[in-house]
Amino acid sequence: MLRIEQAGPVATLIMDNPGMRNAITQDMWQQFEDLLAQLDADDTVKVVVVRGAGSHFSAGADIASVQKILHDPATGQSDGGDITVAESAIARFRKPTIAAIDGYCVGGGWQIAGACDIRLASERAVYGITPAKIGIVYPLSGIKRLVQLAGPATAKYLLISGDFVNAQEALRLGLATKVIALDSFWNDVEAFALHLSARSQFSAQGHKALINAMSAGAGDASVDGLSAYWQGQMAVSEDAAIGVAAFLAKETPHFTWLRPHED
């Protein structure tokens, strides 16, 4: 199952199937979109941490039903199905997301981590993208994201070999943002999530939207239009005035913006 825990402005989305190293069943894949919609609508949530229950992030899609999970009824092909729907829901989620990666992060589990904005890995994290071990082609959405994050040479190495890499190698390859000592890992994840929640959510969400558009290859006209949209939002946001006043007074700002203003 997937479940949500919330502590103040930070919600944690937990993949809870520890008996199978948090392998993600079809029912679990299908829960992502609805749960993320709930978190999007909840203005008390400013940051979302994605993690596995216990000592592993996720061993990936439940292999026993992987063909069913990958099947897309709209196309009749096994080109992503429920996995791509879940991955896309995370990637387009407007609030900051952190993947907290401890233990195994494999296959479809990497697609979940890769769709998050920031990936914090414990020193014992193990990454693997393993379609070559079971004779399938990885979902196109996952291949595109892997190439965006790590580049084509690394994507070829990981997809063709199916080899596991440790946390430090994952950091070098661009799969992790930071590697953290195991004894402080969960405390550091919590502290960083709270740190992000105290920043201007207007700034965080605007920059996330613009960077996502650029990395997806949006044309200049599209990016310019999106930038103009966020500049327009800044004109009706109080966060800039709050931030400047706090800076001049040498105080901690308490930002108030929660979501885009729609006419």
Protein backbone atom coordinates (compact mmCIF):
# COMPACT_ATOMS: atom_id res chain seq x y z
CA MET A 1 0.00 0.00 0.00
CA LEU A 2 0.90 3.66 -0.19
CA ARG A 3 0.30 5.81 2.86
CA ILE A 4 0.82 9.41 3.89
CA GLU A 5 2.23 10.73 7.15
CA GLN A 6 2.34 14.45 7.86
CA ALA A 7 4.41 16.43 10.36
CA GLY A 8 3.79 20.16 10.08
CA PRO A 9 4.43 21.40 6.53
CA VAL A 10 6.11 18.15 5.42
CA ALA A 11 4.14 15.17 4.13
CA THR A 12 5.82 11.79 3.63
CA LEU A 13 4.52 9.44 0.95
CA ILE A 14 5.52 5.92 1.99
CA MET A 15 5.72 2.84 -0.23
CA ASP A 16 4.80 0.22 2.34
CA ASN A 17 5.52 -3.34 1.26
CA PRO A 18 8.59 -4.16 3.39
CA GLY A 19 8.25 -7.93 3.07
CA MET A 20 9.14 -7.50 -0.63
CA ARG A 21 11.65 -4.66 -0.17
CA ASN A 22 8.80 -2.28 -1.03
CA ALA A 23 8.20 -3.76 -4.47
CA ILE A 24 5.38 -1.73 -6.00
CA THR A 25 2.24 -3.69 -6.88
CA GLN A 26 -0.24 -2.58 -9.52
CA ASP A 27 -2.60 -1.30 -6.82
CA MET A 28 0.23 0.79 -5.38
CA TRP A 29 1.17 2.27 -8.76
CA GLN A 30 -2.46 3.24 -9.26
CA GLN A 31 -2.61 5.08 -5.91
CA PHE A 32 0.13 7.62 -6.70
CA GLU A 33 -1.93 9.97 -8.86
CA ASP A 34 -4.85 10.29 -6.45
CA LEU A 35 -2.68 10.67 -3.35
CA LEU A 36 -0.56 13.34 -5.01
CA ALA A 37 -3.72 15.20 -6.02
CA GLN A 38 -4.75 15.19 -2.35
CA LEU A 39 -1.35 16.57 -1.32
CA ASP A 40 -1.53 19.22 -4.03
CA ALA A 41 -4.91 20.42 -2.74
CA ASP A 42 -3.75 20.54 0.90
CA ASP A 43 -2.25 23.99 1.49
CA THR A 44 -0.76 22.90 4.82
CA VAL A 45 1.65 20.67 2.84
CA LYS A 46 4.63 22.53 1.41
CA VAL A 47 7.13 19.72 0.77
CA VAL A 48 6.68 16.01 0.06
CA VAL A 49 9.23 13.33 0.96
CA VAL A 50 8.94 9.99 -0.88
CA ARG A 51 10.45 6.96 0.85
CA GLY A 52 10.03 3.25 1.43
CA ALA A 53 8.97 1.63 4.69
CA GLY A 54 11.81 0.15 6.69
CA SER A 55 15.31 -0.13 5.27
CA HIS A 56 14.73 0.00 1.49
CA PHE A 57 13.41 2.62 -0.90
CA SER A 58 11.90 0.19 -3.42
CA ALA A 59 12.92 -2.96 -5.27
CA GLY A 60 10.81 -1.71 -8.21
CA ALA A 61 7.71 -3.07 -9.87
CA ASP A 62 6.33 -6.36 -8.60
CA ILE A 63 7.96 -8.71 -11.12
CA ALA A 64 5.15 -11.26 -10.88
CA SER A 65 2.76 -8.76 -12.47
CA VAL A 66 5.16 -6.49 -14.36
CA GLN A 67 3.65 -7.15 -17.79
CA LYS A 68 0.20 -6.20 -16.51
CA ILE A 69 1.58 -3.10 -14.79
CA LEU A 70 3.40 -1.95 -17.93
CA HIS A 71 0.40 -2.49 -20.21
CA ASP A 72 -1.28 0.67 -21.49
CA PRO A 73 -4.91 -0.05 -22.47
CA ALA A 74 -4.99 3.10 -24.61
CA THR A 75 -2.22 1.89 -26.92
CA GLY A 76 -2.32 -1.85 -26.39
CA GLN A 77 1.44 -1.72 -25.82
CA SER A 78 3.60 -2.49 -22.79
CA ASP A 79 5.18 0.96 -22.89
CA GLY A 80 4.75 2.22 -19.35
CA GLY A 81 1.13 1.85 -18.27
CA ASP A 82 0.58 2.45 -14.56
CA ILE A 83 4.29 3.11 -13.99
CA THR A 84 4.39 6.03 -16.41
CA VAL A 85 1.17 7.47 -14.96
CA ALA A 86 2.68 7.41 -11.46
CA GLU A 87 6.06 8.76 -12.59
CA SER A 88 4.41 11.59 -14.50
CA ALA A 89 2.20 12.50 -11.53
CA ILE A 90 5.30 12.95 -9.37
CA ALA A 91 7.21 14.88 -12.04
CA ARG A 92 4.41 17.41 -12.60
CA PHE A 93 3.59 17.81 -8.90
CA ARG A 94 3.96 21.54 -8.29
CA LYS A 95 5.44 21.42 -4.78
CA PRO A 96 9.05 20.42 -4.01
CA THR A 97 9.64 16.67 -3.72
CA ILE A 98 12.50 14.79 -2.07
CA ALA A 99 13.30 11.12 -2.66
CA ALA A 100 14.85 9.71 0.55
CA ILE A 101 16.77 6.69 -0.74
CA ASP A 102 17.94 4.07 1.73
CA GLY A 103 18.79 0.52 0.71
CA TYR A 104 17.62 -0.70 -2.68
CA CYS A 105 16.38 1.72 -5.35
CA VAL A 106 15.85 -0.53 -8.35
CA GLY A 107 13.94 -0.57 -11.63
CA GLY A 108 10.60 1.15 -11.27
CA GLY A 109 11.74 2.39 -7.87
CA TRP A 110 14.33 4.49 -9.69
CA GLN A 111 11.56 5.97 -11.86
CA ILE A 112 9.86 7.19 -8.68
CA ALA A 113 13.13 8.60 -7.32
CA GLY A 114 14.12 10.10 -10.66
CA ALA A 115 10.83 11.96 -10.94
CA CYS A 116 11.47 13.73 -7.62
CA ASP A 117 13.21 17.10 -7.55
CA ILE A 118 15.97 16.17 -5.11
CA ARG A 119 17.43 12.74 -4.31
CA LEU A 120 19.05 12.28 -0.90
CA ALA A 121 20.79 8.91 -0.58
CA SER A 122 22.07 7.13 2.50
CA GLU A 123 25.60 5.77 2.28
CA ARG A 124 24.20 2.22 1.99
CA ALA A 125 21.86 3.00 -0.92
CA VAL A 126 22.12 0.68 -3.93
CA TYR A 127 20.81 1.73 -7.34
CA GLY A 128 19.97 -0.51 -10.27
CA ILE A 129 18.04 -0.10 -13.53
CA THR A 130 17.56 -3.68 -14.53
CA PRO A 131 15.30 -4.34 -17.58
CA ALA A 132 18.17 -6.23 -19.23
CA LYS A 133 17.96 -8.81 -16.42
CA ILE A 134 14.33 -9.68 -17.17
CA GLY A 135 14.18 -9.13 -20.92
CA ILE A 136 11.97 -6.05 -21.20
CA VAL A 137 12.35 -2.55 -22.63
CA TYR A 138 12.21 0.12 -19.93
CA PRO A 139 9.28 2.56 -20.15
CA LEU A 140 10.03 5.44 -22.51
CA SER A 141 9.25 8.00 -19.80
CA GLY A 142 11.92 6.44 -17.60
CA ILE A 143 14.51 6.35 -20.38
CA LYS A 144 13.93 10.02 -21.22
CA ARG A 145 14.27 11.07 -17.59
CA LEU A 146 17.42 8.99 -17.10
CA VAL A 147 19.03 10.61 -20.16
CA GLN A 148 18.04 14.08 -18.90
CA LEU A 149 19.54 13.45 -15.46
CA ALA A 150 22.61 11.36 -16.22
CA GLY A 151 23.29 11.73 -19.94
CA PRO A 152 23.16 9.20 -22.78
CA ALA A 153 26.43 7.40 -21.99
CA THR A 154 25.44 6.67 -18.39
CA ALA A 155 21.90 5.75 -19.45
CA LYS A 156 23.32 3.18 -21.91
CA TYR A 157 25.65 1.74 -19.28
CA LEU A 158 22.92 1.31 -16.68
CA LEU A 159 20.20 0.05 -19.01
CA ILE A 160 22.37 -2.33 -21.05
CA SER A 161 24.40 -3.78 -18.16
CA GLY A 162 21.71 -3.85 -15.47
CA ASP A 163 24.56 -3.47 -12.97
CA PHE A 164 24.02 -2.18 -9.44
CA VAL A 165 25.93 0.91 -8.30
CA ASN A 166 26.59 2.10 -4.77
CA ALA A 167 25.68 5.49 -3.36
CA GLN A 168 28.97 7.21 -4.14
CA GLU A 169 28.93 5.93 -7.72
CA ALA A 170 25.30 7.05 -8.04
CA LEU A 171 26.36 10.51 -6.89
CA ARG A 172 29.13 10.60 -9.49
CA LEU A 173 26.73 9.47 -12.23
CA GLY A 174 24.09 12.09 -11.36
CA LEU A 175 21.52 9.72 -9.82
CA ALA A 176 21.87 11.20 -6.32
CA THR A 177 21.96 14.82 -5.22
CA LYS A 178 23.79 14.13 -1.96
CA VAL A 179 25.01 11.12 0.01
CA ILE A 180 24.44 11.22 3.78
CA ALA A 181 25.89 9.08 6.57
CA LEU A 182 23.48 6.38 7.67
CA ASP A 183 23.49 7.31 11.36
CA SER A 184 22.14 10.80 10.62
CA PHE A 185 20.24 10.07 7.41
CA TRP A 186 16.62 10.35 8.52
CA ASN A 187 17.29 13.32 10.80
CA ASP A 188 19.07 15.08 7.94
CA VAL A 189 16.23 14.32 5.53
CA GLU A 190 13.70 15.76 7.99
CA ALA A 191 15.82 18.85 8.61
CA PHE A 192 16.30 19.48 4.89
CA ALA A 193 12.58 19.09 4.16
CA LEU A 194 11.77 21.62 6.89
CA HIS A 195 14.48 23.90 5.50
CA LEU A 196 12.78 23.83 2.07
CA SER A 197 9.35 24.39 3.61
CA ALA A 198 10.57 27.65 5.18
CA ARG A 199 11.64 29.08 1.83
CA SER A 200 9.27 31.01 -0.43
CA GLN A 201 6.94 28.49 -2.01
CA PHE A 202 6.26 31.03 -4.75
CA SER A 203 9.95 31.01 -5.65
CA ALA A 204 10.25 27.22 -5.31
CA GLN A 205 7.25 26.41 -7.48
CA GLY A 206 8.05 29.04 -10.10
CA HIS A 207 11.63 27.86 -10.52
CA LYS A 208 10.54 24.21 -10.56
CA ALA A 209 8.05 24.89 -13.35
CA LEU A 210 10.59 26.78 -15.44
CA ILE A 211 13.40 24.24 -14.97
CA ASN A 212 11.04 21.37 -15.81
CA ALA A 213 9.99 23.12 -19.02
CA MET A 214 13.60 23.77 -20.05
CA SER A 215 14.78 20.23 -19.28
CA ALA A 216 11.84 18.79 -21.22
CA GLY A 217 13.00 20.70 -24.31
CA ALA A 218 10.26 23.31 -24.46
CA GLY A 219 10.89 25.94 -27.12
CA ASP A 220 11.97 29.48 -26.33
CA ALA A 221 8.50 30.88 -26.95
CA SER A 222 6.95 28.41 -24.53
CA VAL A 223 9.55 29.06 -21.83
CA ASP A 224 9.22 32.82 -22.34
CA GLY A 225 5.45 32.54 -21.93
CA LEU A 226 5.85 30.50 -18.75
CA SER A 227 8.34 33.02 -17.39
CA ALA A 228 5.89 35.84 -18.12
CA TYR A 229 3.18 33.91 -16.26
CA TRP A 230 5.35 33.63 -13.14
CA GLN A 231 6.39 37.26 -13.39
CA GLY A 232 2.70 38.10 -13.43
CA GLN A 233 2.18 35.91 -10.37
CA MET A 234 5.00 37.77 -8.60
CA ALA A 235 3.07 41.02 -9.09
CA VAL A 236 0.21 39.69 -6.93
CA SER A 237 2.33 37.74 -4.44
CA GLU A 238 3.33 39.22 -1.09
CA ASP A 239 6.42 37.03 -0.78
CA ALA A 240 8.83 39.49 -2.43
CA ALA A 241 7.84 42.30 -0.06
CA ILE A 242 8.04 39.94 2.91
CA GLY A 243 11.48 38.68 1.87
CA VAL A 244 12.95 42.12 1.24
CA ALA A 245 11.59 43.53 4.50
CA ALA A 246 12.96 40.59 6.49
CA PHE A 247 16.36 40.90 4.80
CA LEU A 248 16.63 44.60 5.60
CA ALA A 249 15.52 44.01 9.19
CA LYS A 250 17.89 41.01 9.53
CA GLU A 251 14.94 38.82 10.48
CA THR A 252 13.71 35.42 9.33
CA PRO A 253 11.02 35.83 6.65
CA HIS A 254 7.65 34.15 7.10
CA PHE A 255 6.32 33.72 3.61
CA THR A 256 2.58 33.47 2.94
CA TRP A 257 2.16 32.43 -0.72
CA LEU A 258 0.53 29.02 -1.17
CA ARG A 259 -0.65 28.58 -4.75
CA PRO A 260 -0.94 30.46 -8.06
CA HIS A 261 -3.54 33.20 -8.20
CA GLU A 262 -6.07 32.53 -10.93
CA ASP A 263 -8.31 35.31 -12.26
